């Protein structure tokens, strides 16, 4: 499939997988004609959005791209639950402990486990925010990598947090840097506040 198919899919609904686009492309045997059809769909969908509508669409898509810390795997488990972990254990203490956090069937929230994962995800996001002010070369490269990954998912097929897995190492390293330098961030803030107070007192 040409790249234009994934760009077209990224412009409709939540910006995720679209069976209609896949079937349309599969029905066209010529690669050039597929590309032409996708370019036509891209043009039509951009016109339908309009400038303001497209910006709103990108905002919603970014939320879908980043909000789910479980990366949406439970959605793909299906009736057999083949992605749900620990299905091979049916009894014993280990099974009972695992069942506190995970389910046995597909298409469900992974019980309480997803709450803890979401909390960890919030800490990771805060760590990334703490790293924003750094001009360290390595940190800049990490920031540009994460930013590029986000842009990639906004332009092409996305709409689901599980696609972030390919950028997860960079996200975690950036967050770790932010948390490791929290003292520097706080000391700079306290220094700025102290300077402001001194200026006010002088005046």
N, C-alpha and C. Protein backbone atom coordinates (compact mmCIF):
# COMPACT_ATOMS: atom_id res chain seq x y z
N UNK A 1 0.84 -1.20 0.00
CA UNK A 1 0.00 0.00 0.00
C UNK A 1 0.88 1.25 0.00
N UNK A 2 0.52 2.28 -0.77
CA UNK A 2 1.31 3.51 -0.77
C UNK A 2 1.12 4.28 0.54
N UNK A 3 2.08 5.14 0.84
CA UNK A 3 2.02 5.93 2.07
C UNK A 3 0.78 6.82 2.10
N UNK A 4 0.33 7.23 0.91
CA UNK A 4 -0.84 8.11 0.85
C UNK A 4 -2.09 7.46 1.44
N UNK A 5 -2.15 6.10 1.43
CA UNK A 5 -3.30 5.43 2.04
C UNK A 5 -3.34 5.72 3.54
N UNK A 6 -2.18 5.69 4.19
CA UNK A 6 -2.11 5.89 5.63
C UNK A 6 -2.33 7.36 6.00
N UNK A 7 -1.96 8.26 5.08
CA UNK A 7 -2.25 9.68 5.29
C UNK A 7 -3.76 9.91 5.19
N UNK A 8 -4.39 9.27 4.21
CA UNK A 8 -5.85 9.40 4.04
C UNK A 8 -6.58 8.85 5.26
N UNK A 9 -6.14 7.69 5.77
CA UNK A 9 -6.76 7.12 6.97
C UNK A 9 -6.61 8.04 8.16
N UNK A 10 -5.48 8.75 8.21
CA UNK A 10 -5.22 9.65 9.33
C UNK A 10 -6.03 10.91 9.31
N UNK A 11 -6.92 11.04 8.32
CA UNK A 11 -7.71 12.28 8.18
C UNK A 11 -9.20 12.08 8.43
N UNK A 12 -9.60 10.88 8.86
CA UNK A 12 -11.03 10.63 9.01
C UNK A 12 -11.30 9.91 10.33
N UNK A 13 -12.51 10.11 10.84
CA UNK A 13 -12.94 9.53 12.13
C UNK A 13 -11.96 9.95 13.23
N UNK A 14 -11.34 8.97 13.91
CA UNK A 14 -10.34 9.30 14.94
C UNK A 14 -8.93 9.34 14.40
N UNK A 15 -8.81 9.20 13.07
CA UNK A 15 -7.47 9.19 12.47
C UNK A 15 -6.81 7.84 12.54
N UNK A 16 -7.58 6.79 12.86
CA UNK A 16 -7.04 5.44 12.99
C UNK A 16 -7.38 4.57 11.80
N UNK A 17 -7.25 3.25 12.00
CA UNK A 17 -7.50 2.27 10.95
C UNK A 17 -8.91 2.44 10.39
N UNK A 18 -8.99 2.43 9.05
CA UNK A 18 -10.27 2.62 8.37
C UNK A 18 -10.48 1.51 7.35
N UNK A 19 -11.36 0.55 7.62
CA UNK A 19 -11.57 -0.58 6.70
C UNK A 19 -11.95 -0.14 5.28
N UNK A 20 -12.72 0.95 5.18
CA UNK A 20 -13.14 1.43 3.86
C UNK A 20 -11.94 1.77 2.99
N UNK A 21 -10.96 2.47 3.57
CA UNK A 21 -9.77 2.86 2.80
C UNK A 21 -8.97 1.63 2.38
N UNK A 22 -8.87 0.66 3.26
CA UNK A 22 -8.12 -0.56 2.95
C UNK A 22 -8.79 -1.32 1.81
N UNK A 23 -10.11 -1.49 1.90
CA UNK A 23 -10.85 -2.20 0.86
C UNK A 23 -10.80 -1.47 -0.47
N UNK A 24 -10.88 -0.13 -0.41
CA UNK A 24 -10.80 0.68 -1.63
C UNK A 24 -9.45 0.48 -2.31
N UNK A 25 -8.38 0.49 -1.53
CA UNK A 25 -7.04 0.32 -2.10
C UNK A 25 -6.84 -1.10 -2.65
N UNK A 26 -7.35 -2.09 -1.94
CA UNK A 26 -7.19 -3.48 -2.38
C UNK A 26 -7.95 -3.76 -3.67
N UNK A 27 -9.03 -3.02 -3.89
CA UNK A 27 -9.84 -3.21 -5.10
C UNK A 27 -9.16 -2.62 -6.34
N UNK A 28 -8.17 -1.75 -6.12
CA UNK A 28 -7.45 -1.12 -7.23
C UNK A 28 -6.12 -1.84 -7.41
N UNK A 29 -5.89 -2.42 -8.57
CA UNK A 29 -4.70 -3.24 -8.80
C UNK A 29 -3.46 -2.42 -9.13
N UNK A 30 -3.65 -1.29 -9.81
CA UNK A 30 -2.52 -0.46 -10.21
C UNK A 30 -2.04 0.40 -9.04
N UNK A 31 -0.74 0.36 -8.79
CA UNK A 31 -0.17 1.15 -7.70
C UNK A 31 -0.37 2.66 -7.95
N UNK A 32 -0.19 3.08 -9.19
CA UNK A 32 -0.35 4.50 -9.52
C UNK A 32 -1.80 4.95 -9.33
N UNK A 33 -2.74 4.09 -9.71
CA UNK A 33 -4.15 4.43 -9.55
C UNK A 33 -4.54 4.46 -8.07
N UNK A 34 -3.95 3.55 -7.28
CA UNK A 34 -4.18 3.58 -5.83
C UNK A 34 -3.72 4.92 -5.26
N UNK A 35 -2.52 5.31 -5.66
CA UNK A 35 -1.96 6.56 -5.15
C UNK A 35 -2.83 7.75 -5.55
N UNK A 36 -3.30 7.74 -6.78
CA UNK A 36 -4.16 8.83 -7.27
C UNK A 36 -5.47 8.88 -6.49
N UNK A 37 -6.06 7.71 -6.22
CA UNK A 37 -7.31 7.64 -5.46
C UNK A 37 -7.10 8.16 -4.04
N UNK A 38 -5.98 7.79 -3.42
CA UNK A 38 -5.69 8.25 -2.06
C UNK A 38 -5.48 9.76 -2.02
N UNK A 39 -4.78 10.30 -3.01
CA UNK A 39 -4.58 11.75 -3.07
C UNK A 39 -5.91 12.48 -3.21
N UNK A 40 -6.82 11.88 -3.97
CA UNK A 40 -8.16 12.45 -4.12
C UNK A 40 -8.89 12.46 -2.78
N UNK A 41 -8.81 11.34 -2.02
CA UNK A 41 -9.47 11.26 -0.71
C UNK A 41 -8.85 12.25 0.27
N UNK A 42 -7.52 12.40 0.21
CA UNK A 42 -6.84 13.34 1.10
C UNK A 42 -7.33 14.76 0.85
N UNK A 43 -7.40 15.14 -0.44
CA UNK A 43 -7.86 16.48 -0.81
C UNK A 43 -9.29 16.72 -0.35
N UNK A 44 -10.17 15.73 -0.58
CA UNK A 44 -11.58 15.87 -0.18
C UNK A 44 -11.73 15.99 1.33
N UNK A 45 -10.97 15.20 2.08
CA UNK A 45 -11.09 15.21 3.54
C UNK A 45 -10.54 16.49 4.14
N UNK A 46 -9.48 17.01 3.56
CA UNK A 46 -8.95 18.29 4.04
C UNK A 46 -9.95 19.41 3.78
N UNK A 47 -10.60 19.38 2.62
CA UNK A 47 -11.62 20.39 2.30
C UNK A 47 -12.81 20.28 3.25
N UNK A 48 -13.19 19.05 3.56
CA UNK A 48 -14.32 18.84 4.47
C UNK A 48 -14.01 19.39 5.87
N UNK A 49 -12.78 19.23 6.31
CA UNK A 49 -12.38 19.72 7.63
C UNK A 49 -12.36 21.25 7.67
N UNK A 50 -11.76 21.85 6.63
CA UNK A 50 -11.50 23.29 6.69
C UNK A 50 -10.35 23.55 7.65
N UNK A 51 -9.83 24.77 7.68
CA UNK A 51 -8.66 25.07 8.49
C UNK A 51 -8.95 24.89 9.98
N UNK A 52 -10.01 25.55 10.46
CA UNK A 52 -10.35 25.46 11.89
C UNK A 52 -10.74 24.04 12.26
N UNK A 53 -11.55 23.41 11.42
CA UNK A 53 -11.98 22.05 11.68
C UNK A 53 -10.80 21.08 11.73
N UNK A 54 -9.81 21.32 10.87
CA UNK A 54 -8.64 20.44 10.83
C UNK A 54 -7.82 20.58 12.11
N UNK A 55 -7.69 21.81 12.60
CA UNK A 55 -6.96 22.04 13.85
C UNK A 55 -7.67 21.37 15.03
N UNK A 56 -9.01 21.46 15.05
CA UNK A 56 -9.78 20.78 16.08
C UNK A 56 -9.61 19.27 15.97
N UNK A 57 -9.64 18.76 14.73
CA UNK A 57 -9.46 17.33 14.49
C UNK A 57 -8.09 16.87 14.99
N UNK A 58 -7.03 17.64 14.71
CA UNK A 58 -5.68 17.28 15.16
C UNK A 58 -5.59 17.27 16.68
N UNK A 59 -6.27 18.22 17.32
CA UNK A 59 -6.27 18.27 18.79
C UNK A 59 -6.90 17.00 19.37
N UNK A 60 -8.05 16.62 18.83
CA UNK A 60 -8.73 15.40 19.29
C UNK A 60 -7.89 14.16 19.00
N UNK A 61 -7.27 14.14 17.83
CA UNK A 61 -6.44 12.99 17.45
C UNK A 61 -5.24 12.86 18.37
N UNK A 62 -4.64 14.00 18.75
CA UNK A 62 -3.50 13.97 19.65
C UNK A 62 -3.91 13.38 21.00
N UNK A 63 -5.12 13.69 21.45
CA UNK A 63 -5.62 13.12 22.70
C UNK A 63 -5.74 11.60 22.57
N UNK A 64 -6.32 11.15 21.45
CA UNK A 64 -6.43 9.70 21.22
C UNK A 64 -5.05 9.05 21.11
N UNK A 65 -4.10 9.80 20.57
CA UNK A 65 -2.74 9.26 20.38
C UNK A 65 -1.98 9.08 21.68
N UNK A 66 -2.34 9.84 22.70
CA UNK A 66 -1.48 9.90 23.89
C UNK A 66 -2.15 9.61 25.22
N UNK A 67 -3.48 9.51 25.25
CA UNK A 67 -4.16 9.51 26.55
C UNK A 67 -4.21 8.16 27.26
N UNK A 68 -4.13 7.06 26.51
CA UNK A 68 -4.34 5.73 27.10
C UNK A 68 -3.01 5.08 27.44
N UNK A 69 -2.70 5.02 28.73
CA UNK A 69 -1.42 4.45 29.17
C UNK A 69 -1.35 2.94 28.98
N UNK A 70 -2.50 2.27 28.83
CA UNK A 70 -2.48 0.83 28.57
C UNK A 70 -2.22 0.55 27.09
N UNK A 71 -2.12 1.63 26.30
CA UNK A 71 -1.85 1.55 24.86
C UNK A 71 -2.92 0.78 24.09
N UNK A 72 -4.09 0.61 24.70
CA UNK A 72 -5.24 0.08 23.99
C UNK A 72 -5.17 -1.38 23.60
N UNK A 73 -4.25 -2.12 24.18
CA UNK A 73 -4.13 -3.52 23.76
C UNK A 73 -5.37 -4.33 24.09
N UNK A 74 -6.08 -3.98 25.18
CA UNK A 74 -7.26 -4.77 25.54
C UNK A 74 -8.34 -4.67 24.48
N UNK A 75 -8.32 -3.60 23.69
CA UNK A 75 -9.33 -3.43 22.64
C UNK A 75 -9.13 -4.48 21.54
N UNK A 76 -7.89 -4.89 21.32
CA UNK A 76 -7.57 -5.84 20.25
C UNK A 76 -7.59 -7.29 20.70
N UNK A 77 -7.97 -7.55 21.94
CA UNK A 77 -7.87 -8.91 22.45
C UNK A 77 -8.85 -9.86 21.76
N UNK A 78 -10.01 -9.34 21.36
CA UNK A 78 -10.98 -10.18 20.68
C UNK A 78 -11.69 -11.13 21.63
N UNK A 79 -12.56 -11.93 21.09
CA UNK A 79 -13.37 -12.84 21.90
C UNK A 79 -12.53 -13.89 22.62
N UNK A 80 -11.42 -14.28 22.00
CA UNK A 80 -10.57 -15.31 22.61
C UNK A 80 -9.62 -14.76 23.66
N UNK A 81 -9.49 -13.44 23.71
CA UNK A 81 -8.61 -12.83 24.70
C UNK A 81 -7.15 -13.20 24.52
N UNK A 82 -6.69 -13.30 23.25
CA UNK A 82 -5.34 -13.80 23.01
C UNK A 82 -4.25 -12.82 23.44
N UNK A 83 -4.61 -11.57 23.65
CA UNK A 83 -3.62 -10.59 24.11
C UNK A 83 -3.71 -10.39 25.62
N UNK A 84 -4.83 -10.80 26.23
CA UNK A 84 -4.97 -10.68 27.68
C UNK A 84 -3.93 -11.57 28.35
N UNK A 85 -3.12 -11.04 29.26
CA UNK A 85 -2.04 -11.84 29.84
C UNK A 85 -2.53 -12.89 30.81
N UNK A 86 -1.69 -13.89 31.04
CA UNK A 86 -1.86 -14.89 32.09
C UNK A 86 -3.06 -15.81 31.87
N UNK A 87 -3.55 -15.94 30.63
CA UNK A 87 -4.72 -16.80 30.41
C UNK A 87 -4.40 -18.28 30.62
N UNK A 88 -3.10 -18.63 30.63
CA UNK A 88 -2.75 -20.04 30.79
C UNK A 88 -2.90 -20.52 32.24
N UNK A 89 -3.04 -19.56 33.18
CA UNK A 89 -3.18 -19.94 34.59
C UNK A 89 -4.66 -19.90 34.97
N UNK A 90 -5.16 -21.01 35.49
CA UNK A 90 -6.59 -21.11 35.81
C UNK A 90 -6.87 -21.37 37.28
N UNK A 91 -5.83 -21.52 38.09
CA UNK A 91 -6.06 -21.78 39.51
C UNK A 91 -4.80 -21.42 40.29
N UNK A 92 -4.90 -21.47 41.62
CA UNK A 92 -3.75 -21.22 42.48
C UNK A 92 -3.66 -19.77 42.92
N UNK A 93 -2.72 -19.51 43.82
CA UNK A 93 -2.54 -18.16 44.38
C UNK A 93 -2.15 -17.17 43.30
N UNK A 94 -1.24 -17.58 42.40
CA UNK A 94 -0.79 -16.68 41.33
C UNK A 94 -1.97 -16.24 40.47
N UNK A 95 -2.83 -17.19 40.14
CA UNK A 95 -4.01 -16.88 39.33
C UNK A 95 -4.92 -15.89 40.03
N UNK A 96 -5.14 -16.09 41.34
CA UNK A 96 -6.02 -15.21 42.10
C UNK A 96 -5.46 -13.79 42.18
N UNK A 97 -4.15 -13.67 42.38
CA UNK A 97 -3.53 -12.34 42.44
C UNK A 97 -3.64 -11.64 41.10
N UNK A 98 -3.36 -12.38 40.01
CA UNK A 98 -3.43 -11.79 38.68
C UNK A 98 -4.84 -11.35 38.32
N UNK A 99 -5.84 -12.11 38.79
CA UNK A 99 -7.22 -11.76 38.49
C UNK A 99 -7.69 -10.50 39.21
N UNK A 100 -6.95 -10.06 40.23
CA UNK A 100 -7.29 -8.79 40.88
C UNK A 100 -7.11 -7.65 39.89
N UNK A 101 -6.11 -7.79 39.02
CA UNK A 101 -5.74 -6.70 38.12
C UNK A 101 -6.15 -6.92 36.67
N UNK A 102 -6.34 -8.16 36.26
CA UNK A 102 -6.62 -8.42 34.85
C UNK A 102 -7.86 -9.28 34.70
N UNK A 103 -8.47 -9.15 33.51
CA UNK A 103 -9.66 -9.93 33.21
C UNK A 103 -9.33 -11.19 32.43
N UNK A 104 -10.33 -11.95 32.08
CA UNK A 104 -10.13 -13.20 31.34
C UNK A 104 -10.70 -13.14 29.93
N UNK A 105 -11.40 -12.07 29.59
CA UNK A 105 -11.99 -11.98 28.26
C UNK A 105 -11.53 -10.72 27.56
N UNK A 106 -11.72 -10.69 26.25
CA UNK A 106 -11.29 -9.54 25.47
C UNK A 106 -12.23 -8.37 25.58
N UNK A 107 -11.80 -7.25 24.96
CA UNK A 107 -12.62 -6.05 24.86
C UNK A 107 -13.11 -5.54 26.20
N UNK A 108 -12.24 -5.51 27.20
CA UNK A 108 -12.60 -4.96 28.50
C UNK A 108 -11.42 -4.19 29.07
N UNK A 109 -11.75 -3.31 29.98
CA UNK A 109 -10.70 -2.61 30.70
C UNK A 109 -10.00 -3.60 31.63
N UNK A 110 -8.69 -3.50 31.76
CA UNK A 110 -7.96 -4.48 32.54
C UNK A 110 -8.10 -4.24 34.03
N UNK A 111 -9.31 -4.09 34.48
CA UNK A 111 -9.63 -3.91 35.89
C UNK A 111 -8.74 -2.83 36.53
N UNK A 112 -8.33 -3.03 37.78
CA UNK A 112 -7.58 -2.00 38.49
C UNK A 112 -6.19 -1.75 37.94
N UNK A 113 -5.66 -2.70 37.19
CA UNK A 113 -4.30 -2.56 36.70
C UNK A 113 -4.12 -1.30 35.86
N UNK A 114 -5.14 -0.97 35.06
CA UNK A 114 -5.02 0.17 34.16
C UNK A 114 -4.92 1.49 34.93
N UNK A 115 -5.48 1.52 36.15
CA UNK A 115 -5.39 2.73 36.97
C UNK A 115 -3.93 3.00 37.35
N UNK A 116 -3.23 1.95 37.80
CA UNK A 116 -1.82 2.11 38.19
C UNK A 116 -0.97 2.50 36.99
N UNK A 117 -1.26 1.88 35.86
CA UNK A 117 -0.51 2.21 34.64
C UNK A 117 -0.73 3.67 34.25
N UNK A 118 -1.98 4.13 34.40
CA UNK A 118 -2.30 5.52 34.05
C UNK A 118 -1.59 6.50 34.98
N UNK A 119 -1.48 6.14 36.26
CA UNK A 119 -0.76 6.99 37.22
C UNK A 119 0.71 7.11 36.83
N UNK A 120 1.32 5.99 36.47
CA UNK A 120 2.71 6.00 36.01
C UNK A 120 2.86 6.88 34.78
N UNK A 121 1.89 6.78 33.87
CA UNK A 121 1.91 7.57 32.64
C UNK A 121 1.85 9.07 32.95
N UNK A 122 1.06 9.45 33.94
CA UNK A 122 0.99 10.86 34.36
C UNK A 122 2.34 11.34 34.88
N UNK A 123 3.03 10.51 35.66
CA UNK A 123 4.37 10.87 36.15
C UNK A 123 5.35 11.03 34.98
N UNK A 124 5.21 10.18 33.97
CA UNK A 124 6.09 10.28 32.79
C UNK A 124 5.85 11.59 32.06
N UNK A 125 4.59 11.98 31.91
CA UNK A 125 4.26 13.23 31.23
C UNK A 125 4.79 14.43 32.01
N UNK A 126 4.64 14.40 33.34
CA UNK A 126 5.16 15.49 34.18
C UNK A 126 6.68 15.59 34.03
N UNK A 127 7.35 14.44 34.00
CA UNK A 127 8.80 14.44 33.80
C UNK A 127 9.21 15.05 32.48
N UNK A 128 8.44 14.79 31.43
CA UNK A 128 8.72 15.39 30.13
C UNK A 128 8.56 16.91 30.19
N UNK A 129 7.54 17.36 30.90
CA UNK A 129 7.32 18.81 31.04
C UNK A 129 8.48 19.47 31.80
N UNK A 130 9.01 18.76 32.80
CA UNK A 130 10.14 19.29 33.58
C UNK A 130 11.40 19.42 32.72
N UNK A 131 11.46 18.65 31.64
CA UNK A 131 12.65 18.68 30.77
C UNK A 131 12.55 19.72 29.66
N UNK A 132 11.41 20.39 29.56
CA UNK A 132 11.21 21.33 28.45
C UNK A 132 12.20 22.48 28.44
N UNK A 133 12.60 22.94 29.63
CA UNK A 133 13.48 24.11 29.69
C UNK A 133 14.94 23.82 29.44
N UNK A 134 15.32 22.55 29.28
CA UNK A 134 16.72 22.20 29.12
C UNK A 134 17.21 22.49 27.70
N UNK A 135 18.44 23.02 27.59
CA UNK A 135 19.05 23.23 26.28
C UNK A 135 20.22 22.28 26.05
N UNK A 136 20.30 21.23 26.88
CA UNK A 136 21.31 20.19 26.70
C UNK A 136 21.11 19.53 25.34
N UNK A 137 22.21 19.28 24.60
CA UNK A 137 22.12 18.77 23.24
C UNK A 137 21.40 17.43 23.17
N UNK A 138 21.73 16.51 24.08
CA UNK A 138 21.09 15.19 24.09
C UNK A 138 19.59 15.33 24.37
N UNK A 139 19.25 16.20 25.32
CA UNK A 139 17.85 16.40 25.67
C UNK A 139 17.10 17.04 24.49
N UNK A 140 17.76 17.96 23.79
CA UNK A 140 17.14 18.56 22.62
C UNK A 140 16.84 17.51 21.56
N UNK A 141 17.78 16.59 21.36
CA UNK A 141 17.56 15.51 20.39
C UNK A 141 16.39 14.62 20.81
N UNK A 142 16.31 14.35 22.10
CA UNK A 142 15.19 13.55 22.62
C UNK A 142 13.87 14.28 22.40
N UNK A 143 13.86 15.58 22.68
CA UNK A 143 12.63 16.36 22.52
C UNK A 143 12.20 16.40 21.05
N UNK A 144 13.17 16.59 20.15
CA UNK A 144 12.84 16.64 18.72
C UNK A 144 12.36 15.27 18.23
N UNK A 145 12.93 14.20 18.79
CA UNK A 145 12.51 12.84 18.40
C UNK A 145 11.07 12.59 18.82
N UNK A 146 10.74 12.96 20.06
CA UNK A 146 9.37 12.78 20.55
C UNK A 146 8.41 13.66 19.76
N UNK A 147 8.81 14.91 19.52
CA UNK A 147 7.97 15.83 18.75
C UNK A 147 7.75 15.30 17.34
N UNK A 148 8.82 14.78 16.72
CA UNK A 148 8.70 14.21 15.38
C UNK A 148 7.78 13.00 15.36
N UNK A 149 7.86 12.18 16.43
CA UNK A 149 6.98 11.02 16.53
C UNK A 149 5.52 11.43 16.63
N UNK A 150 5.27 12.46 17.44
CA UNK A 150 3.89 12.96 17.58
C UNK A 150 3.37 13.49 16.24
N UNK A 151 4.22 14.22 15.51
CA UNK A 151 3.83 14.76 14.20
C UNK A 151 3.56 13.63 13.21
N UNK A 152 4.40 12.60 13.28
CA UNK A 152 4.24 11.43 12.41
C UNK A 152 2.86 10.79 12.61
N UNK A 153 2.46 10.63 13.87
CA UNK A 153 1.18 10.01 14.18
C UNK A 153 0.00 10.93 13.85
N UNK A 154 0.23 12.23 13.88
CA UNK A 154 -0.84 13.17 13.51
C UNK A 154 -1.09 13.17 12.01
N UNK A 155 -0.02 12.98 11.23
CA UNK A 155 -0.15 13.04 9.77
C UNK A 155 -0.64 11.70 9.21
N UNK A 156 -0.07 10.60 9.70
CA UNK A 156 -0.44 9.28 9.18
C UNK A 156 -1.47 8.61 10.09
N UNK A 157 -1.70 7.33 9.85
CA UNK A 157 -2.64 6.57 10.67
C UNK A 157 -2.20 6.60 12.12
N UNK A 158 -3.12 6.96 13.00
CA UNK A 158 -2.82 7.01 14.44
C UNK A 158 -4.12 6.76 15.19
N UNK A 159 -4.47 7.73 16.04
CA UNK A 159 -5.74 7.65 16.74
C UNK A 159 -5.79 6.66 17.88
N UNK A 160 -4.63 6.05 18.19
CA UNK A 160 -4.58 5.07 19.28
C UNK A 160 -3.22 5.17 19.96
N UNK A 161 -3.24 5.10 21.28
CA UNK A 161 -2.00 5.31 22.03
C UNK A 161 -0.98 4.19 21.83
N UNK A 162 -1.42 3.06 21.35
CA UNK A 162 -0.47 1.94 21.22
C UNK A 162 0.63 2.24 20.20
N UNK A 163 0.38 3.16 19.27
CA UNK A 163 1.41 3.50 18.29
C UNK A 163 2.58 4.25 18.93
N UNK A 164 2.38 4.74 20.15
CA UNK A 164 3.45 5.42 20.87
C UNK A 164 4.55 4.46 21.30
N UNK A 165 4.28 3.16 21.27
CA UNK A 165 5.26 2.18 21.74
C UNK A 165 6.58 2.34 21.00
N UNK A 166 6.54 2.68 19.71
CA UNK A 166 7.77 2.82 18.94
C UNK A 166 8.61 4.01 19.39
N UNK A 167 8.00 4.97 20.09
CA UNK A 167 8.74 6.14 20.58
C UNK A 167 8.92 6.10 22.10
N UNK A 168 8.45 5.02 22.73
CA UNK A 168 8.45 4.94 24.18
C UNK A 168 9.85 5.06 24.82
N UNK A 169 10.90 4.45 24.25
CA UNK A 169 12.23 4.61 24.87
C UNK A 169 12.66 6.07 24.99
N UNK A 170 12.38 6.87 23.96
CA UNK A 170 12.76 8.28 23.97
C UNK A 170 11.91 9.06 24.97
N UNK A 171 10.63 8.72 25.05
CA UNK A 171 9.72 9.37 26.00
C UNK A 171 10.18 9.11 27.43
N UNK A 172 10.52 7.86 27.72
CA UNK A 172 10.95 7.49 29.08
C UNK A 172 12.28 8.17 29.43
N UNK A 173 13.23 8.19 28.50
CA UNK A 173 14.52 8.85 28.76
C UNK A 173 14.34 10.35 29.01
N UNK A 174 13.47 10.97 28.22
CA UNK A 174 13.21 12.41 28.39
C UNK A 174 12.57 12.68 29.73
N UNK A 175 11.61 11.85 30.12
CA UNK A 175 10.95 12.00 31.41
C UNK A 175 11.93 11.78 32.55
N UNK A 176 12.79 10.77 32.42
CA UNK A 176 13.78 10.48 33.47
C UNK A 176 14.72 11.66 33.66
N UNK A 177 15.11 12.29 32.56
CA UNK A 177 15.97 13.47 32.66
C UNK A 177 15.24 14.59 33.40
N UNK A 178 13.97 14.79 33.06
CA UNK A 178 13.20 15.85 33.71
C UNK A 178 13.12 15.64 35.21
N UNK A 179 12.83 14.42 35.65
CA UNK A 179 12.73 14.14 37.08
C UNK A 179 14.09 14.22 37.77
N UNK A 180 15.15 13.82 37.08
CA UNK A 180 16.49 13.86 37.70
C UNK A 180 16.98 15.29 37.89
N UNK A 181 16.41 16.23 37.13
CA UNK A 181 16.84 17.63 37.24
C UNK A 181 15.76 18.50 37.87
N UNK A 182 14.86 17.88 38.62
CA UNK A 182 13.79 18.66 39.26
C UNK A 182 14.35 19.65 40.27
N UNK A 183 15.48 19.30 40.92
CA UNK A 183 16.10 20.22 41.86
C UNK A 183 16.56 21.50 41.16
N UNK A 184 17.12 21.32 39.97
CA UNK A 184 17.59 22.50 39.21
C UNK A 184 16.40 23.38 38.84
N UNK A 185 15.32 22.74 38.39
CA UNK A 185 14.11 23.49 38.01
C UNK A 185 13.57 24.27 39.20
N UNK A 186 13.50 23.60 40.37
CA UNK A 186 12.96 24.25 41.57
C UNK A 186 13.88 25.35 42.07
N UNK A 187 15.20 25.12 41.99
CA UNK A 187 16.16 26.13 42.46
C UNK A 187 16.10 27.37 41.58
N UNK A 188 15.92 27.17 40.26
CA UNK A 188 15.80 28.31 39.35
C UNK A 188 14.53 29.10 39.66
N UNK A 189 13.45 28.38 39.96
CA UNK A 189 12.19 29.05 40.27
C UNK A 189 12.30 29.84 41.57
N UNK A 190 12.92 29.22 42.59
CA UNK A 190 13.07 29.91 43.88
C UNK A 190 13.99 31.12 43.73
N UNK A 191 15.03 30.98 42.88
CA UNK A 191 15.94 32.10 42.64
C UNK A 191 15.20 33.25 41.96
N UNK A 192 14.33 32.91 40.98
CA UNK A 192 13.57 33.93 40.27
C UNK A 192 12.61 34.64 41.22
N UNK A 193 11.95 33.88 42.09
CA UNK A 193 11.03 34.47 43.07
C UNK A 193 11.78 35.38 44.02
N UNK A 194 12.97 34.93 44.48
CA UNK A 194 13.77 35.74 45.41
C UNK A 194 14.20 37.04 44.75
N UNK A 195 14.64 36.98 43.48
CA UNK A 195 15.04 38.18 42.76
C UNK A 195 13.87 39.16 42.63
N UNK A 196 12.69 38.62 42.35
CA UNK A 196 11.51 39.46 42.20
C UNK A 196 11.16 40.14 43.51
N UNK A 197 11.25 39.40 44.62
CA UNK A 197 10.97 39.97 45.93
C UNK A 197 11.97 41.08 46.26
N UNK A 198 13.27 40.82 45.96
CA UNK A 198 14.30 41.83 46.22
C UNK A 198 14.07 43.09 45.43
N UNK A 199 13.67 42.94 44.17
CA UNK A 199 13.39 44.11 43.32
C UNK A 199 12.22 44.92 43.88
N UNK A 200 11.17 44.20 44.31
CA UNK A 200 10.00 44.86 44.88
C UNK A 200 10.35 45.61 46.17
N UNK A 201 11.20 45.01 46.98
CA UNK A 201 11.60 45.65 48.23
C UNK A 201 12.44 46.90 47.99
N UNK A 202 13.29 46.85 46.95
CA UNK A 202 14.13 48.01 46.62
C UNK A 202 13.29 49.19 46.14
N UNK A 203 12.17 48.86 45.47
CA UNK A 203 11.30 49.93 44.96
C UNK A 203 10.29 50.38 46.01
